[in-house]
């Protein structure tokens, strides 16, 4: 059996995936878990690992739940921000 993937590593991969597809695709929490299991392998990542990693991302504020058109996982929006919202002065 291969080494387990850390929750931080799973979380980072989830964040990168949501960031990459921001504005193009909205991931449901379960879809993200399935993607992580496919990426790392069933022997290294479990559904429980994915839920815990997502919980860490939500608690840290890196990702939030969106509810428009169904529950999805998103990067937090900045109110009144334009294209350069993510950039700091």
C-alpha atoms as a PDB file:
ATOM      1  CA  UNK A   1       0.000   0.000   0.000  1.00  0.00           C
ATOM      2  CA  UNK A   2       1.293   3.444  -0.924  1.00  0.00           C
ATOM      3  CA  UNK A   3       1.774   6.216   1.636  1.00  0.00           C
ATOM      4  CA  UNK A   4      -1.308   8.225   2.557  1.00  0.00           C
ATOM      5  CA  UNK A   5      -1.539  11.748   1.173  1.00  0.00           C
ATOM      6  CA  UNK A   6      -1.602  14.473   3.847  1.00  0.00           C
ATOM      7  CA  UNK A   7      -4.734  16.556   4.356  1.00  0.00           C
ATOM      8  CA  UNK A   8      -2.718  19.671   3.511  1.00  0.00           C
ATOM      9  CA  UNK A   9      -1.634  18.174   0.180  1.00  0.00           C
ATOM     10  CA  UNK A  10      -5.205  17.162  -0.655  1.00  0.00           C
ATOM     11  CA  UNK A  11      -6.420  20.640   0.316  1.00  0.00           C
ATOM     12  CA  UNK A  12      -3.803  22.331  -1.847  1.00  0.00           C
ATOM     13  CA  UNK A  13      -4.782  20.182  -4.837  1.00  0.00           C
ATOM     14  CA  UNK A  14      -8.473  20.987  -4.235  1.00  0.00           C
ATOM     15  CA  UNK A  15      -7.738  24.703  -4.027  1.00  0.00           C
ATOM     16  CA  UNK A  16      -5.697  24.652  -7.240  1.00  0.00           C
ATOM     17  CA  UNK A  17      -8.488  22.814  -9.062  1.00  0.00           C
ATOM     18  CA  UNK A  18     -11.175  25.270  -7.901  1.00  0.00           C
ATOM     19  CA  UNK A  19      -8.873  28.196  -8.755  1.00  0.00           C
ATOM     20  CA  UNK A  20      -8.092  26.803 -12.221  1.00  0.00           C
ATOM     21  CA  UNK A  21     -11.760  26.385 -13.123  1.00  0.00           C
ATOM     22  CA  UNK A  22     -13.059  29.546 -11.396  1.00  0.00           C
ATOM     23  CA  UNK A  23     -15.747  31.124 -13.572  1.00  0.00           C
ATOM     24  CA  UNK A  24     -15.838  28.064 -15.863  1.00  0.00           C
ATOM     25  CA  UNK A  25     -17.044  25.224 -13.653  1.00  0.00           C
ATOM     26  CA  UNK A  26     -18.510  25.006 -10.175  1.00  0.00           C
ATOM     27  CA  UNK A  27     -17.511  21.908  -8.224  1.00  0.00           C
ATOM     28  CA  UNK A  28     -19.860  20.221  -5.788  1.00  0.00           C
ATOM     29  CA  UNK A  29     -18.096  19.005  -2.636  1.00  0.00           C
ATOM     30  CA  UNK A  30     -18.541  15.350  -3.661  1.00  0.00           C
ATOM     31  CA  UNK A  31     -17.122  16.014  -7.122  1.00  0.00           C
ATOM     32  CA  UNK A  32     -13.976  17.487  -5.603  1.00  0.00           C
ATOM     33  CA  UNK A  33     -13.575  14.370  -3.474  1.00  0.00           C
ATOM     34  CA  UNK A  34     -13.950  12.106  -6.491  1.00  0.00           C
ATOM     35  CA  UNK A  35     -11.384  14.176  -8.402  1.00  0.00           C
ATOM     36  CA  UNK A  36      -8.876  13.888  -5.545  1.00  0.00           C
ATOM     37  CA  UNK A  37      -9.371  10.116  -5.300  1.00  0.00           C
ATOM     38  CA  UNK A  38      -8.875   9.851  -9.063  1.00  0.00           C
ATOM     39  CA  UNK A  39      -5.770  12.073  -8.925  1.00  0.00           C
ATOM     40  CA  UNK A  40      -4.027  10.415  -5.968  1.00  0.00           C
ATOM     41  CA  UNK A  41      -5.539   6.909  -6.050  1.00  0.00           C
ATOM     42  CA  UNK A  42      -8.043   5.061  -3.863  1.00  0.00           C
ATOM     43  CA  UNK A  43      -5.250   3.458  -1.859  1.00  0.00           C
ATOM     44  CA  UNK A  44      -3.854   6.865  -0.820  1.00  0.00           C
ATOM     45  CA  UNK A  45      -6.966   9.044  -0.343  1.00  0.00           C
ATOM     46  CA  UNK A  46     -10.386   8.269   1.161  1.00  0.00           C
ATOM     47  CA  UNK A  47     -13.692  10.161   1.070  1.00  0.00           C
ATOM     48  CA  UNK A  48     -13.155  10.968   4.743  1.00  0.00           C
ATOM     49  CA  UNK A  49      -9.736  12.487   3.942  1.00  0.00           C
ATOM     50  CA  UNK A  50     -11.331  14.664   1.270  1.00  0.00           C
ATOM     51  CA  UNK A  51     -14.074  15.852   3.632  1.00  0.00           C
ATOM     52  CA  UNK A  52     -11.492  16.727   6.286  1.00  0.00           C
ATOM     53  CA  UNK A  53      -9.281  18.580   3.781  1.00  0.00           C
ATOM     54  CA  UNK A  54     -12.294  20.537   2.502  1.00  0.00           C
ATOM     55  CA  UNK A  55     -13.266  21.365   6.085  1.00  0.00           C
ATOM     56  CA  UNK A  56      -9.767  22.769   6.700  1.00  0.00           C
ATOM     57  CA  UNK A  57     -10.061  24.951   3.579  1.00  0.00           C
ATOM     58  CA  UNK A  58     -13.501  26.212   4.621  1.00  0.00           C
ATOM     59  CA  UNK A  59     -12.397  26.963   8.192  1.00  0.00           C
ATOM     60  CA  UNK A  60      -9.329  28.843   6.954  1.00  0.00           C
ATOM     61  CA  UNK A  61     -11.448  30.946   4.574  1.00  0.00           C
ATOM     62  CA  UNK A  62      -9.545  29.855   1.460  1.00  0.00           C
ATOM     63  CA  UNK A  63     -12.759  28.368   0.028  1.00  0.00           C
ATOM     64  CA  UNK A  64     -16.448  28.981   0.726  1.00  0.00           C
ATOM     65  CA  UNK A  65     -19.713  27.297  -0.136  1.00  0.00           C
ATOM     66  CA  UNK A  66     -21.801  28.912  -2.862  1.00  0.00           C
ATOM     67  CA  UNK A  67     -25.515  28.202  -3.078  1.00  0.00           C
ATOM     68  CA  UNK A  68     -26.565  29.716  -6.405  1.00  0.00           C
ATOM     69  CA  UNK A  69     -27.936  26.879  -8.543  1.00  0.00           C
ATOM     70  CA  UNK A  70     -27.014  24.244  -5.953  1.00  0.00           C
ATOM     71  CA  UNK A  71     -24.248  23.839  -3.404  1.00  0.00           C
ATOM     72  CA  UNK A  72     -20.772  24.400  -4.828  1.00  0.00           C
ATOM     73  CA  UNK A  73     -17.273  25.142  -3.587  1.00  0.00           C
ATOM     74  CA  UNK A  74     -15.830  28.521  -4.594  1.00  0.00           C
ATOM     75  CA  UNK A  75     -13.023  30.959  -3.918  1.00  0.00           C
ATOM     76  CA  UNK A  76     -14.428  33.840  -1.803  1.00  0.00           C
ATOM     77  CA  UNK A  77     -15.501  36.885  -3.791  1.00  0.00           C
ATOM     78  CA  UNK A  78     -14.406  40.393  -2.865  1.00  0.00           C
ATOM     79  CA  UNK A  79     -17.346  42.808  -2.818  1.00  0.00           C
ATOM     80  CA  UNK A  80     -17.143  45.619  -5.371  1.00  0.00           C
ATOM     81  CA  UNK A  81     -13.923  44.295  -6.842  1.00  0.00           C
ATOM     82  CA  UNK A  82     -12.978  44.348 -10.485  1.00  0.00           C
ATOM     83  CA  UNK A  83     -10.624  42.131 -12.447  1.00  0.00           C
ATOM     84  CA  UNK A  84      -7.674  42.761 -10.144  1.00  0.00           C
ATOM     85  CA  UNK A  85      -9.517  41.819  -6.946  1.00  0.00           C
ATOM     86  CA  UNK A  86      -6.996  39.184  -5.955  1.00  0.00           C
ATOM     87  CA  UNK A  87      -4.000  41.499  -6.283  1.00  0.00           C
ATOM     88  CA  UNK A  88      -2.717  43.443  -3.308  1.00  0.00           C
ATOM     89  CA  UNK A  89      -1.465  46.997  -3.576  1.00  0.00           C
END
